[in-house]
N, C-alpha and C. Protein backbone atom coordinates (compact mmCIF):
# COMPACT_ATOMS: atom_id res chain seq x y z
N MET A 1 106.42 119.02 70.37
CA MET A 1 106.52 117.90 71.16
C MET A 1 105.06 117.16 71.30
N GLU A 2 105.15 116.02 71.48
CA GLU A 2 104.07 114.76 71.69
C GLU A 2 103.55 114.96 73.17
N LYS A 3 102.28 115.32 73.65
CA LYS A 3 101.86 115.43 74.68
C LYS A 3 101.66 114.07 75.52
N ALA A 4 102.17 114.05 76.64
CA ALA A 4 101.90 112.69 77.41
C ALA A 4 100.58 112.27 77.73
N LYS A 5 100.13 111.06 77.59
CA LYS A 5 98.71 110.70 77.86
C LYS A 5 98.56 110.58 79.60
N ILE A 6 97.58 111.19 80.10
CA ILE A 6 97.36 110.95 81.43
C ILE A 6 95.78 110.60 81.51
N GLY A 7 95.41 110.00 82.78
CA GLY A 7 94.11 109.70 82.95
C GLY A 7 93.24 111.17 83.47
N GLY A 8 94.05 111.89 83.99
CA GLY A 8 93.22 113.21 84.13
C GLY A 8 93.88 114.09 84.88
N ILE A 9 93.14 114.99 85.71
CA ILE A 9 93.64 116.16 86.47
C ILE A 9 92.62 116.27 87.56
N ILE A 10 93.18 116.04 88.93
CA ILE A 10 92.36 116.41 89.96
C ILE A 10 92.68 117.63 90.81
N GLN A 11 91.91 118.32 91.14
CA GLN A 11 92.17 119.73 91.69
C GLN A 11 91.36 119.86 93.16
N PHE A 12 92.35 120.07 94.31
CA PHE A 12 91.69 120.47 95.44
C PHE A 12 91.87 122.14 95.79
N PRO A 13 90.85 122.83 95.34
CA PRO A 13 91.16 124.29 95.10
C PRO A 13 91.15 124.94 96.36
N ASP A 14 90.66 124.78 97.73
CA ASP A 14 90.42 125.38 98.79
C ASP A 14 91.17 124.65 100.10
N VAL A 15 92.50 124.59 100.08
CA VAL A 15 93.19 124.08 101.13
C VAL A 15 94.31 124.80 101.84
N ALA A 16 94.47 124.50 103.02
CA ALA A 16 95.67 125.22 103.51
C ALA A 16 97.01 124.22 103.62
N LEU A 17 98.04 124.91 103.54
CA LEU A 17 99.47 124.11 103.72
C LEU A 17 99.78 124.27 105.05
N VAL A 18 100.39 123.43 105.82
CA VAL A 18 100.67 123.45 107.14
C VAL A 18 101.98 122.73 107.43
N GLY A 19 102.87 123.15 108.03
CA GLY A 19 104.24 122.50 108.28
C GLY A 19 104.62 122.59 109.93
N MET A 20 105.13 121.48 110.33
CA MET A 20 105.88 121.48 111.58
C MET A 20 107.05 121.23 111.23
N MET A 21 108.02 122.47 111.71
CA MET A 21 109.39 122.49 111.27
C MET A 21 110.42 122.20 112.17
N ALA A 22 111.49 121.74 111.48
CA ALA A 22 112.80 121.51 112.45
C ALA A 22 112.42 120.83 113.91
N VAL A 23 111.75 119.58 113.76
CA VAL A 23 111.87 118.86 114.86
C VAL A 23 112.90 117.66 114.93
N PRO A 24 113.62 117.67 115.99
CA PRO A 24 114.57 116.60 115.99
C PRO A 24 113.84 114.98 115.73
N ASP A 25 115.04 114.47 114.77
CA ASP A 25 114.06 113.32 114.09
C ASP A 25 114.09 112.00 115.06
N ARG A 26 112.95 111.63 115.53
CA ARG A 26 112.82 110.34 115.94
C ARG A 26 111.52 109.63 115.74
N PRO A 27 111.21 108.38 116.09
CA PRO A 27 110.16 107.75 115.85
C PRO A 27 108.84 108.29 116.69
N GLY A 28 107.33 108.29 116.13
CA GLY A 28 106.45 108.78 116.70
C GLY A 28 105.76 110.23 116.48
N ILE A 29 106.81 110.93 115.84
CA ILE A 29 106.34 112.31 115.52
C ILE A 29 105.09 112.39 114.55
N ALA A 30 105.26 111.83 113.70
CA ALA A 30 104.28 112.01 112.29
C ALA A 30 102.93 111.20 112.94
N GLY A 31 103.35 109.93 113.53
CA GLY A 31 101.99 109.33 114.24
C GLY A 31 101.27 110.39 115.10
N ALA A 32 101.98 110.97 116.02
CA ALA A 32 101.24 111.74 116.81
C ALA A 32 100.55 112.88 116.28
N VAL A 33 101.22 113.60 115.05
CA VAL A 33 100.58 114.57 114.36
C VAL A 33 99.06 114.15 113.62
N PHE A 34 99.33 113.19 112.94
CA PHE A 34 98.24 112.69 112.34
C PHE A 34 97.19 112.02 113.02
N GLU A 35 97.52 111.39 114.15
CA GLU A 35 96.53 110.73 114.85
C GLU A 35 95.80 111.81 115.57
N ALA A 36 96.29 112.84 115.97
CA ALA A 36 95.66 114.22 116.69
C ALA A 36 94.76 114.79 115.81
N LEU A 37 95.06 114.86 114.51
CA LEU A 37 94.20 115.39 113.47
C LEU A 37 93.21 114.66 113.14
N GLY A 38 93.33 113.33 113.12
CA GLY A 38 92.36 112.40 112.85
C GLY A 38 91.08 112.23 114.01
N LYS A 39 91.57 112.32 115.24
CA LYS A 39 90.77 112.25 116.16
C LYS A 39 89.78 113.45 116.27
N ARG A 40 90.29 114.66 115.64
CA ARG A 40 89.24 115.69 115.57
C ARG A 40 88.58 115.96 114.36
N GLY A 41 88.50 114.62 113.58
CA GLY A 41 87.89 114.80 112.22
C GLY A 41 88.43 115.65 111.24
N ILE A 42 89.75 115.77 111.30
CA ILE A 42 90.60 116.70 109.96
C ILE A 42 91.16 115.74 109.35
N ASN A 43 90.65 115.66 107.92
CA ASN A 43 91.33 115.18 106.98
C ASN A 43 92.55 115.62 106.31
N VAL A 44 93.47 114.89 105.96
CA VAL A 44 95.00 115.21 105.36
C VAL A 44 94.92 114.90 104.06
N VAL A 45 95.06 115.82 103.36
CA VAL A 45 94.81 115.33 101.54
C VAL A 45 96.25 115.35 101.17
N PHE A 46 97.38 115.74 101.55
CA PHE A 46 98.60 115.80 101.05
C PHE A 46 99.43 115.67 102.26
N ILE A 47 100.54 114.91 102.15
CA ILE A 47 101.46 114.83 103.22
C ILE A 47 103.15 114.62 102.67
N ILE A 48 104.11 115.42 103.14
CA ILE A 48 105.46 115.32 102.72
C ILE A 48 106.33 115.14 103.87
N GLN A 49 107.33 114.49 104.09
CA GLN A 49 108.21 114.57 105.40
C GLN A 49 109.62 114.58 104.79
N GLY A 50 110.73 115.20 105.35
CA GLY A 50 111.76 115.22 104.83
C GLY A 50 112.96 115.44 106.14
N ILE A 51 113.94 115.24 106.13
CA ILE A 51 115.02 115.21 107.00
C ILE A 51 116.08 116.02 106.53
N ASP A 52 116.61 116.98 107.30
CA ASP A 52 117.30 118.00 106.90
C ASP A 52 118.93 117.48 107.20
N LEU A 53 119.81 118.28 106.87
CA LEU A 53 121.49 117.84 107.21
C LEU A 53 121.68 118.01 108.66
N ASP A 54 120.88 118.62 109.64
CA ASP A 54 121.00 118.90 110.98
C ASP A 54 120.14 117.48 111.64
N ASN A 55 119.72 116.52 111.07
CA ASN A 55 118.65 115.54 111.41
C ASN A 55 117.52 115.89 112.00
N ASN A 56 117.00 117.25 111.56
CA ASN A 56 115.70 117.58 111.94
C ASN A 56 114.51 117.10 110.82
N THR A 57 113.43 116.69 111.58
CA THR A 57 112.29 116.51 110.33
C THR A 57 111.33 117.69 110.08
N HIS A 58 110.90 117.72 108.88
CA HIS A 58 109.90 118.97 108.64
C HIS A 58 108.56 117.92 108.08
N ILE A 59 107.67 118.21 108.75
CA ILE A 59 106.36 117.42 108.23
C ILE A 59 105.41 118.55 107.39
N VAL A 60 105.26 118.52 106.31
CA VAL A 60 104.31 119.36 105.66
C VAL A 60 103.00 118.69 105.02
N PHE A 61 102.01 119.41 105.55
CA PHE A 61 100.77 118.78 104.73
C PHE A 61 99.60 119.74 104.51
N CYS A 62 98.39 119.33 103.95
CA CYS A 62 97.46 120.22 103.49
C CYS A 62 96.17 119.72 104.00
N VAL A 63 95.34 120.40 104.61
CA VAL A 63 94.00 120.37 105.23
C VAL A 63 93.03 121.25 104.50
N ALA A 64 91.54 120.69 104.65
CA ALA A 64 90.78 122.08 104.12
C ALA A 64 90.92 123.15 104.78
N SER A 65 90.93 124.24 104.15
CA SER A 65 91.24 125.74 104.82
C SER A 65 90.11 125.79 105.83
N LYS A 66 88.90 125.28 105.86
CA LYS A 66 88.01 125.56 107.24
C LYS A 66 88.58 124.82 108.39
N ASP A 67 89.67 124.12 108.37
CA ASP A 67 90.17 123.25 109.38
C ASP A 67 91.67 123.71 109.96
N LEU A 68 91.83 124.86 109.31
CA LEU A 68 93.36 125.60 109.52
C LEU A 68 93.34 126.06 111.12
N SER A 69 92.36 126.60 111.59
CA SER A 69 92.63 127.19 113.07
C SER A 69 92.59 126.12 113.80
N LEU A 70 91.78 124.93 113.59
CA LEU A 70 91.86 123.90 114.66
C LEU A 70 93.16 123.18 114.54
N THR A 71 93.70 123.00 113.32
CA THR A 71 95.02 122.31 113.11
C THR A 71 95.97 122.98 113.82
N LEU A 72 95.92 124.33 113.85
CA LEU A 72 97.11 124.91 114.40
C LEU A 72 97.22 124.86 115.68
N GLY A 73 95.84 124.89 116.33
CA GLY A 73 95.74 124.70 118.02
C GLY A 73 96.26 123.48 118.22
N LEU A 74 96.06 122.16 117.48
CA LEU A 74 96.60 121.00 117.91
C LEU A 74 97.86 120.82 117.89
N LEU A 75 98.64 121.72 116.77
CA LEU A 75 100.00 121.46 116.55
C LEU A 75 100.69 122.05 117.43
N ASP A 76 100.51 123.25 117.93
CA ASP A 76 101.20 123.99 118.83
C ASP A 76 101.61 122.97 120.45
N PRO A 77 100.75 122.36 120.89
CA PRO A 77 101.42 121.53 122.07
C PRO A 77 102.31 120.47 121.52
N LEU A 78 102.06 120.01 120.28
CA LEU A 78 103.16 118.87 119.64
C LEU A 78 104.40 119.33 119.34
N LYS A 79 104.28 120.67 118.84
CA LYS A 79 105.65 121.49 118.71
C LYS A 79 106.58 121.52 119.84
N GLU A 80 105.83 121.85 121.06
CA GLU A 80 106.50 121.88 122.25
C GLU A 80 106.93 120.41 122.64
N ARG A 81 106.03 119.55 122.76
CA ARG A 81 106.32 118.09 123.02
C ARG A 81 107.48 117.32 122.31
N PHE A 82 107.69 117.74 121.07
CA PHE A 82 108.59 117.10 120.31
C PHE A 82 109.80 118.04 120.08
N GLY A 83 109.80 119.36 120.60
CA GLY A 83 110.97 120.08 120.44
C GLY A 83 111.06 120.73 118.96
N GLY A 84 109.84 121.09 118.30
CA GLY A 84 109.89 121.62 117.08
C GLY A 84 110.30 123.06 117.29
N GLN A 85 110.70 123.86 116.27
CA GLN A 85 111.01 125.18 116.34
C GLN A 85 110.06 126.16 115.87
N ARG A 86 109.41 125.42 114.84
CA ARG A 86 108.13 126.53 114.22
C ARG A 86 107.01 125.48 113.70
N VAL A 87 106.13 126.18 113.73
CA VAL A 87 105.00 125.74 112.85
C VAL A 87 104.32 126.68 111.84
N ILE A 88 104.39 126.44 110.45
CA ILE A 88 104.22 127.42 109.38
C ILE A 88 102.87 127.19 108.72
N HIS A 89 102.20 128.35 108.19
CA HIS A 89 101.10 127.96 107.32
C HIS A 89 100.78 128.83 106.19
N ASN A 90 100.08 128.33 105.22
CA ASN A 90 99.82 129.18 104.03
C ASN A 90 98.27 128.99 104.06
N PRO A 91 97.27 129.65 104.08
CA PRO A 91 95.87 129.37 104.04
C PRO A 91 95.22 129.35 102.74
N ARG A 92 95.85 129.91 101.72
CA ARG A 92 95.48 130.18 100.52
C ARG A 92 96.32 129.27 99.34
N VAL A 93 96.01 127.89 99.48
CA VAL A 93 96.82 127.03 98.49
C VAL A 93 95.81 126.28 97.72
N SER A 94 96.24 125.72 96.60
CA SER A 94 95.65 124.68 96.09
C SER A 94 96.36 123.40 95.56
N ILE A 95 95.84 122.37 95.45
CA ILE A 95 96.64 121.03 95.17
C ILE A 95 96.05 120.87 93.59
N LEU A 96 97.02 120.32 92.72
CA LEU A 96 96.79 120.14 91.27
C LEU A 96 97.70 118.77 91.42
N SER A 97 96.75 117.60 91.00
CA SER A 97 97.48 116.20 90.64
C SER A 97 97.23 115.93 89.40
N VAL A 98 98.15 115.15 88.52
CA VAL A 98 97.82 114.59 87.27
C VAL A 98 97.97 112.97 87.73
N PHE A 99 96.67 112.05 87.22
CA PHE A 99 97.05 110.69 87.40
C PHE A 99 97.05 109.85 86.07
N GLY A 100 97.17 108.87 86.40
CA GLY A 100 97.34 107.84 84.96
C GLY A 100 97.76 106.37 85.79
N PRO A 101 97.30 105.54 85.13
CA PRO A 101 97.33 104.13 85.79
C PRO A 101 98.83 103.47 85.85
N ASP A 102 99.54 103.97 84.76
CA ASP A 102 100.65 103.46 84.51
C ASP A 102 102.20 104.21 84.76
N PHE A 103 102.10 105.36 85.62
CA PHE A 103 102.94 106.51 85.84
C PHE A 103 104.51 105.73 86.17
N LYS A 104 104.21 104.52 87.06
CA LYS A 104 105.52 103.97 87.61
C LYS A 104 106.29 103.46 86.46
N GLU A 105 105.54 103.16 85.19
CA GLU A 105 106.45 102.67 84.05
C GLU A 105 106.78 103.80 83.05
N ARG A 106 106.38 104.90 83.45
CA ARG A 106 106.40 105.99 82.27
C ARG A 106 107.35 107.30 83.12
N PRO A 107 108.57 107.14 82.78
CA PRO A 107 109.47 108.30 83.35
C PRO A 107 109.21 109.57 82.65
N GLY A 108 109.36 110.74 83.38
CA GLY A 108 109.39 112.00 82.97
C GLY A 108 107.92 113.01 83.25
N ILE A 109 107.02 112.04 83.65
CA ILE A 109 105.78 112.81 84.12
C ILE A 109 105.98 114.04 85.12
N ALA A 110 106.85 113.65 86.26
CA ALA A 110 106.64 114.95 87.24
C ALA A 110 107.50 115.89 86.53
N GLY A 111 108.53 115.67 85.74
CA GLY A 111 109.25 116.82 85.08
C GLY A 111 108.46 117.49 84.09
N MET A 112 107.62 116.78 83.24
CA MET A 112 106.87 117.48 82.45
C MET A 112 105.68 118.42 83.17
N MET A 113 105.08 118.06 84.40
CA MET A 113 104.27 118.79 85.05
C MET A 113 104.87 119.97 85.73
N CYS A 114 106.14 119.87 86.10
CA CYS A 114 106.78 120.91 86.90
C CYS A 114 107.30 121.92 85.77
N ALA A 115 107.81 121.35 84.70
CA ALA A 115 108.29 122.54 83.47
C ALA A 115 106.78 123.11 83.18
N ALA A 116 105.80 122.28 82.94
CA ALA A 116 104.69 123.37 82.37
C ALA A 116 104.28 124.19 83.56
N LEU A 117 104.28 124.12 84.84
CA LEU A 117 103.82 124.88 85.66
C LEU A 117 105.01 125.92 85.76
N ALA A 118 106.13 125.75 85.73
CA ALA A 118 107.26 126.84 85.60
C ALA A 118 107.35 127.92 84.44
N ASN A 119 106.92 127.06 82.97
CA ASN A 119 106.68 127.94 81.91
C ASN A 119 105.61 128.97 82.07
N ALA A 120 104.47 128.64 82.90
CA ALA A 120 103.72 129.57 83.07
C ALA A 120 104.02 130.41 84.39
N GLY A 121 105.16 130.34 84.81
CA GLY A 121 105.43 131.33 85.84
C GLY A 121 105.04 130.97 87.28
N ILE A 122 104.42 129.74 87.45
CA ILE A 122 103.92 129.22 88.64
C ILE A 122 104.95 128.62 89.60
N ASN A 123 105.10 129.18 90.90
CA ASN A 123 105.96 128.48 91.73
C ASN A 123 105.18 127.31 92.43
N ILE A 124 105.95 126.21 92.59
CA ILE A 124 105.55 125.19 93.25
C ILE A 124 106.11 125.18 94.69
N LEU A 125 105.01 125.34 95.45
CA LEU A 125 105.45 125.08 97.06
C LEU A 125 105.94 123.95 97.60
N SER A 126 105.37 122.81 97.17
CA SER A 126 105.40 121.44 97.71
C SER A 126 105.07 120.38 96.47
N ILE A 127 105.76 119.20 96.60
CA ILE A 127 105.38 118.09 95.58
C ILE A 127 105.48 116.80 96.16
N SER A 128 104.54 116.02 95.79
CA SER A 128 104.28 114.58 96.36
C SER A 128 103.85 113.89 95.13
N THR A 129 104.48 112.34 95.25
CA THR A 129 104.18 111.38 94.19
C THR A 129 103.52 110.17 94.75
N SER A 130 103.04 109.40 93.82
CA SER A 130 102.54 108.11 94.24
C SER A 130 103.03 107.08 92.90
N MET A 131 102.73 105.89 92.90
CA MET A 131 102.90 105.28 91.80
C MET A 131 101.99 105.82 90.68
N SER A 132 100.69 106.40 90.86
CA SER A 132 99.85 106.75 89.82
C SER A 132 99.58 108.20 89.92
N SER A 133 100.30 109.13 90.51
CA SER A 133 99.94 110.38 90.58
C SER A 133 101.21 111.30 90.90
N VAL A 134 101.24 112.66 90.49
CA VAL A 134 102.18 113.58 90.91
C VAL A 134 101.15 115.04 91.19
N SER A 135 101.68 115.38 92.43
CA SER A 135 100.72 116.49 92.91
C SER A 135 101.56 117.61 93.48
N CYS A 136 101.13 118.64 93.03
CA CYS A 136 101.85 119.95 93.45
C CYS A 136 100.80 121.01 93.92
N VAL A 137 101.59 121.41 95.19
CA VAL A 137 100.86 122.49 96.05
C VAL A 137 101.35 123.88 95.31
N ILE A 138 100.35 124.81 94.95
CA ILE A 138 100.54 125.97 94.27
C ILE A 138 99.70 127.03 95.07
N SER A 139 99.93 128.33 94.90
CA SER A 139 99.15 129.54 95.24
C SER A 139 97.79 129.26 94.74
N ARG A 140 96.82 129.38 95.76
CA ARG A 140 95.33 129.52 95.04
C ARG A 140 95.14 130.63 93.86
N ASN A 141 95.81 131.45 93.99
CA ASN A 141 95.80 132.65 92.75
C ASN A 141 96.15 132.12 91.51
N ASP A 142 96.84 131.21 91.52
CA ASP A 142 97.33 130.49 90.28
C ASP A 142 96.84 129.22 89.58
N LEU A 143 95.67 128.86 90.51
CA LEU A 143 94.85 127.76 89.88
C LEU A 143 94.61 127.79 88.62
N ALA A 144 93.93 128.66 88.18
CA ALA A 144 93.50 128.66 86.80
C ALA A 144 94.47 128.63 85.84
N LYS A 145 95.60 129.46 85.98
CA LYS A 145 96.67 129.50 85.19
C LYS A 145 97.26 127.97 85.11
N ALA A 146 97.47 127.36 86.06
CA ALA A 146 98.03 126.19 86.16
C ALA A 146 97.37 125.21 85.35
N MET A 147 95.88 125.23 85.65
CA MET A 147 95.23 124.22 84.69
C MET A 147 95.28 124.50 83.35
N ASP A 148 95.43 125.72 82.96
CA ASP A 148 95.54 125.96 81.47
C ASP A 148 97.16 125.34 80.77
N ALA A 149 97.96 125.52 81.95
CA ALA A 149 99.25 125.08 81.61
C ALA A 149 99.34 123.38 81.56
N LEU A 150 98.60 122.89 82.44
CA LEU A 150 98.55 121.49 82.42
C LEU A 150 97.88 120.95 81.08
N LYS A 151 96.75 121.68 80.83
CA LYS A 151 95.85 121.15 79.80
C LYS A 151 96.93 121.18 78.33
N GLY A 152 97.60 122.10 78.52
CA GLY A 152 98.38 122.24 77.31
C GLY A 152 99.67 121.49 77.39
N ALA A 153 99.77 120.75 78.48
CA ALA A 153 101.11 120.10 78.39
C ALA A 153 100.92 118.43 78.44
N PHE A 154 99.45 118.03 78.73
CA PHE A 154 99.27 116.72 78.78
C PHE A 154 97.96 116.49 78.02
N GLU A 155 97.70 115.27 77.48
CA GLU A 155 96.59 114.63 76.63
C GLU A 155 95.54 114.03 77.65
N PHE A 156 94.41 114.33 77.87
CA PHE A 156 93.69 113.36 78.93
C PHE A 156 92.27 113.56 78.57
N HIS A 157 91.57 112.40 78.93
CA HIS A 157 90.16 112.54 78.61
C HIS A 157 89.23 113.04 79.59
N GLU A 158 89.38 113.03 80.77
CA GLU A 158 88.70 113.72 81.52
C GLU A 158 89.34 114.69 82.76
N ARG A 159 88.57 115.64 83.32
CA ARG A 159 89.18 116.23 84.58
C ARG A 159 88.18 116.24 85.83
N TRP A 160 88.47 115.85 86.70
CA TRP A 160 87.83 115.79 88.02
C TRP A 160 88.27 117.10 89.01
N THR A 161 87.21 117.61 89.44
CA THR A 161 87.29 118.44 90.49
C THR A 161 86.72 118.11 91.59
N LEU A 162 87.75 118.08 92.85
CA LEU A 162 87.37 117.57 94.26
C LEU A 162 87.26 118.74 95.07
N SER A 163 86.18 119.31 95.49
CA SER A 163 86.41 120.49 96.50
C SER A 163 86.21 120.10 97.82
N ARG A 164 86.87 120.75 98.74
CA ARG A 164 86.67 120.37 100.03
C ARG A 164 86.30 121.80 100.89
């Protein structure tokens, strides 16, 4: 099978996954969370939000591992304020992103990435996309194996590593 051409792979090897879970959905929750983090100098490098069947929102994001304690301390009062059920975290994750300039016109990139990781026995904890990238959060222990899997699945000219 022909490898899909991509621009490269970006990795964030040292991040923590955090989630404010089961918050009754209404305006202002995401704004309050990310404004509180930004005011304390915490950069968020990955965000997803979803609504479940009970109309609760789940906001899941990644921050640098060094910022995890401060992040959790900022989320506890917000969880109480908005009626969230739980704040979760995983301190040892990494993000891998494949990128390219024409992803919006190339169906199947996300499927190829997910299949390559699955074939390597790697569980995806969270997925996010944009018009030019697909990002997956995985266990930090699987980072080297995941990079090998993606190198086997895609053709690219360069690999960028960003460390936080």
